[in-house]
Amino acid sequence: MKTFAIVLLLAALAVPAGAAIVWDEGTNGDLSSNPAAPTPVVLLVGSNELLGTVNGNPLDRDYITFTIPANQQLSHLTLIALSPNNLAFASFNSGSTSFAPSAATNASFLSGIHLDGNDVGDDLMLYFDTRNVTTNSLPLPMLGPGTYCWLIQQTSPIVQSWHVNFILEGTIATDATTWGKVKALYR
């Protein structure tokens, strides 16, 4: 009986949470290309997918702003798709407004990276820590509570489609009596 209970518990824990599409330019409209007025996006604990396109000529950047509540963190940013395979730029900065990337604003970003189709499937948060092309890099591959902007742009005169998944994690409150009940299953 204990084995059956453990199997049921593990199966329940293994069920993945459904990914929520929080913005799709195909249905929600174009994301802001104005760094002074990024599109506000609400991220919830779990998967938060965004899909869009950027253009290198005329230049069309996509800017979003979001807030990470207390006791939560942006732990992963997975690149799901980038097409065609060409160099793009993505960055984070603090605050509810952003900047147009340039030598004058370089140090204003928390971190900025180049990405391409070879990064599809990768966690970009690691690259914001280790592969930055801006003056700053993230000290850890995560963002804690606060308000931020994220930017993506194409670096060539082409139209590029992108699809990312922001994964927000929250602190899970624990109850000392719950752990005792789990341990009892192993006795």
Protein backbone atom coordinates (compact mmCIF):
# COMPACT_ATOMS: atom_id res chain seq x y z
CA MET A 1 0.00 0.00 0.00
CA LYS A 2 2.84 2.40 0.84
CA THR A 3 4.45 1.74 -2.52
CA PHE A 4 1.19 2.51 -4.30
CA ALA A 5 0.82 5.77 -2.33
CA ILE A 6 4.38 6.79 -3.20
CA VAL A 7 3.80 6.06 -6.89
CA LEU A 8 0.61 8.16 -6.85
CA LEU A 9 2.39 11.02 -5.08
CA LEU A 10 5.28 10.97 -7.56
CA ALA A 11 2.90 10.80 -10.51
CA ALA A 12 0.99 13.82 -9.24
CA LEU A 13 4.21 15.77 -8.79
CA ALA A 14 5.40 14.85 -12.29
CA VAL A 15 2.39 16.34 -14.10
CA PRO A 16 3.72 19.43 -15.91
CA ALA A 17 1.98 22.74 -15.48
CA GLY A 18 0.38 24.05 -18.64
CA ALA A 19 2.20 26.83 -20.42
CA ALA A 20 0.29 30.05 -20.73
CA ILE A 21 0.70 32.21 -23.82
CA VAL A 22 0.74 35.70 -22.31
CA TRP A 23 1.39 37.53 -25.59
CA ASP A 24 1.18 36.46 -29.22
CA GLU A 25 1.61 39.29 -31.70
CA GLY A 26 -0.51 37.30 -34.15
CA THR A 27 -3.57 37.61 -31.86
CA ASN A 28 -2.74 40.32 -29.27
CA GLY A 29 -1.20 42.86 -31.65
CA ASP A 30 2.28 44.29 -32.02
CA LEU A 31 4.41 44.67 -28.91
CA SER A 32 5.63 48.20 -28.26
CA SER A 33 8.68 49.39 -30.16
CA ASN A 34 8.92 52.44 -27.89
CA PRO A 35 11.49 52.08 -25.07
CA ALA A 36 9.68 54.81 -23.10
CA ALA A 37 6.40 52.84 -23.20
CA PRO A 38 7.03 49.07 -23.22
CA THR A 39 4.04 46.72 -23.40
CA PRO A 40 3.08 45.66 -19.85
CA VAL A 41 2.92 41.89 -19.47
CA VAL A 42 1.75 39.98 -16.40
CA LEU A 43 3.88 36.93 -15.62
CA LEU A 44 2.47 34.25 -13.34
CA VAL A 45 4.28 31.46 -11.53
CA GLY A 46 5.05 28.81 -14.15
CA SER A 47 5.45 29.10 -17.91
CA ASN A 48 4.71 32.39 -19.67
CA GLU A 49 5.19 32.25 -23.44
CA LEU A 50 5.61 35.26 -25.71
CA LEU A 51 5.68 35.19 -29.52
CA GLY A 52 6.55 38.01 -31.85
CA THR A 53 8.45 39.32 -34.82
CA VAL A 54 11.12 41.97 -35.12
CA ASN A 55 12.33 43.74 -38.22
CA GLY A 56 15.78 45.06 -38.98
CA ASN A 57 14.65 47.45 -41.74
CA PRO A 58 12.78 49.50 -40.80
CA LEU A 59 14.00 48.88 -37.26
CA ASP A 60 11.27 47.35 -35.09
CA ARG A 61 12.28 46.32 -31.58
CA ASP A 62 9.93 44.57 -29.14
CA TYR A 63 9.86 45.94 -25.57
CA ILE A 64 7.94 44.50 -22.62
CA THR A 65 7.82 45.45 -18.95
CA PHE A 66 6.89 43.10 -16.12
CA THR A 67 7.03 42.93 -12.34
CA ILE A 68 8.31 39.98 -10.33
CA PRO A 69 6.47 39.94 -6.98
CA ALA A 70 8.11 39.34 -3.60
CA ASN A 71 9.17 35.72 -2.99
CA GLN A 72 9.32 34.98 -6.73
CA GLN A 73 12.08 34.92 -9.34
CA LEU A 74 12.54 34.66 -13.07
CA SER A 75 14.57 31.47 -13.08
CA HIS A 76 14.54 30.51 -16.77
CA LEU A 77 14.05 32.15 -20.14
CA THR A 78 13.90 29.44 -22.78
CA LEU A 79 14.29 30.26 -26.45
CA ILE A 80 11.64 28.09 -28.11
CA ALA A 81 12.05 29.34 -31.69
CA LEU A 82 13.98 31.92 -33.72
CA SER A 83 13.47 32.03 -37.46
CA PRO A 84 15.24 32.57 -39.74
CA ASN A 85 18.48 31.64 -38.00
CA ASN A 86 20.15 35.03 -37.74
CA LEU A 87 21.83 37.08 -35.02
CA ALA A 88 19.46 38.92 -32.65
CA PHE A 89 19.98 41.01 -29.52
CA ALA A 90 18.07 40.66 -26.24
CA SER A 91 18.50 42.53 -22.97
CA PHE A 92 17.13 43.24 -19.50
CA ASN A 93 17.12 46.51 -17.61
CA SER A 94 15.62 47.62 -14.29
CA GLY A 95 12.53 49.81 -14.25
CA SER A 96 9.36 50.18 -16.26
CA THR A 97 11.01 51.95 -19.22
CA SER A 98 13.96 50.91 -21.35
CA PHE A 99 16.56 52.27 -23.76
CA ALA A 100 17.47 52.05 -27.42
CA PRO A 101 20.71 50.04 -27.50
CA SER A 102 23.75 52.19 -28.28
CA ALA A 103 27.22 52.93 -26.96
CA ALA A 104 25.67 55.67 -24.80
CA THR A 105 23.13 53.31 -23.16
CA ASN A 106 25.28 50.18 -22.98
CA ALA A 107 25.93 50.45 -19.22
CA SER A 108 22.21 51.06 -18.53
CA PHE A 109 21.32 47.43 -19.25
CA LEU A 110 21.52 44.78 -16.55
CA SER A 111 22.76 42.48 -19.30
CA GLY A 112 22.43 42.05 -23.05
CA ILE A 113 23.25 39.07 -25.25
CA HIS A 114 23.41 38.02 -28.87
CA LEU A 115 21.41 34.93 -29.74
CA ASP A 116 20.72 32.92 -32.85
CA GLY A 117 19.01 29.72 -33.95
CA ASN A 118 21.72 27.60 -32.35
CA ASP A 119 20.35 28.74 -28.98
CA VAL A 120 16.86 27.29 -29.56
CA GLY A 121 16.00 25.08 -26.59
CA ASP A 122 18.56 26.80 -24.34
CA ASP A 123 17.99 28.70 -21.12
CA LEU A 124 19.01 32.24 -22.04
CA MET A 125 19.26 33.27 -18.36
CA LEU A 126 22.59 31.40 -18.25
CA TYR A 127 23.83 33.53 -21.15
CA PHE A 128 22.79 36.78 -19.47
CA ASP A 129 25.20 35.70 -16.74
CA THR A 130 28.09 34.34 -18.85
CA ARG A 131 27.76 35.51 -22.47
CA ASN A 132 26.90 39.19 -22.16
CA VAL A 133 27.81 41.68 -24.90
CA THR A 134 26.91 44.72 -22.79
CA THR A 135 29.02 46.31 -20.04
CA ASN A 136 27.08 44.46 -17.34
CA SER A 137 26.07 40.85 -16.85
CA LEU A 138 23.65 39.33 -14.39
CA PRO A 139 25.50 38.20 -11.22
CA LEU A 140 23.35 35.05 -11.20
CA PRO A 141 21.24 33.48 -13.97
CA MET A 142 17.98 34.79 -12.47
CA LEU A 143 16.07 37.98 -11.67
CA GLY A 144 14.54 38.56 -8.23
CA PRO A 145 11.61 40.72 -7.19
CA GLY A 146 11.32 44.07 -9.00
CA THR A 147 10.16 45.75 -12.18
CA TYR A 148 12.10 45.07 -15.37
CA CYS A 149 12.07 45.57 -19.12
CA TRP A 150 13.06 43.00 -21.73
CA LEU A 151 13.97 43.89 -25.29
CA ILE A 152 14.57 41.83 -28.39
CA GLN A 153 15.69 43.13 -31.78
CA GLN A 154 16.97 41.85 -35.10
CA THR A 155 20.51 42.91 -36.04
CA SER A 156 20.09 42.56 -39.83
CA PRO A 157 17.59 44.05 -42.32
CA ILE A 158 15.24 41.03 -42.19
CA VAL A 159 12.03 40.04 -40.41
CA GLN A 160 12.64 37.48 -37.66
CA SER A 161 10.08 35.52 -35.65
CA TRP A 162 10.84 34.67 -32.04
CA HIS A 163 9.18 32.59 -29.31
CA VAL A 164 10.36 32.55 -25.69
CA ASN A 165 9.16 31.12 -22.39
CA PHE A 166 9.65 33.15 -19.21
CA ILE A 167 9.54 30.74 -16.26
CA LEU A 168 8.68 32.32 -12.95
CA GLU A 169 9.19 30.37 -9.74
CA GLY A 170 7.67 31.15 -6.38
CA THR A 171 8.54 30.25 -2.86
CA ILE A 172 6.52 27.27 -1.72
CA ALA A 173 5.36 27.53 1.86
CA THR A 174 6.13 24.36 3.76
CA ASP A 175 4.37 22.86 6.71
CA ALA A 176 6.49 20.85 9.13
CA THR A 177 3.67 18.33 9.59
CA THR A 178 3.52 17.67 5.83
CA TRP A 179 7.14 16.51 5.69
CA GLY A 180 6.48 14.13 8.58
CA LYS A 181 3.62 12.59 6.61
CA VAL A 182 5.83 12.09 3.55
CA LYS A 183 8.57 10.52 5.67
CA ALA A 184 6.01 8.17 7.23
CA LEU A 185 5.37 6.69 3.78
CA TYR A 186 8.93 5.37 3.75
CA ARG A 187 8.70 3.59 7.12
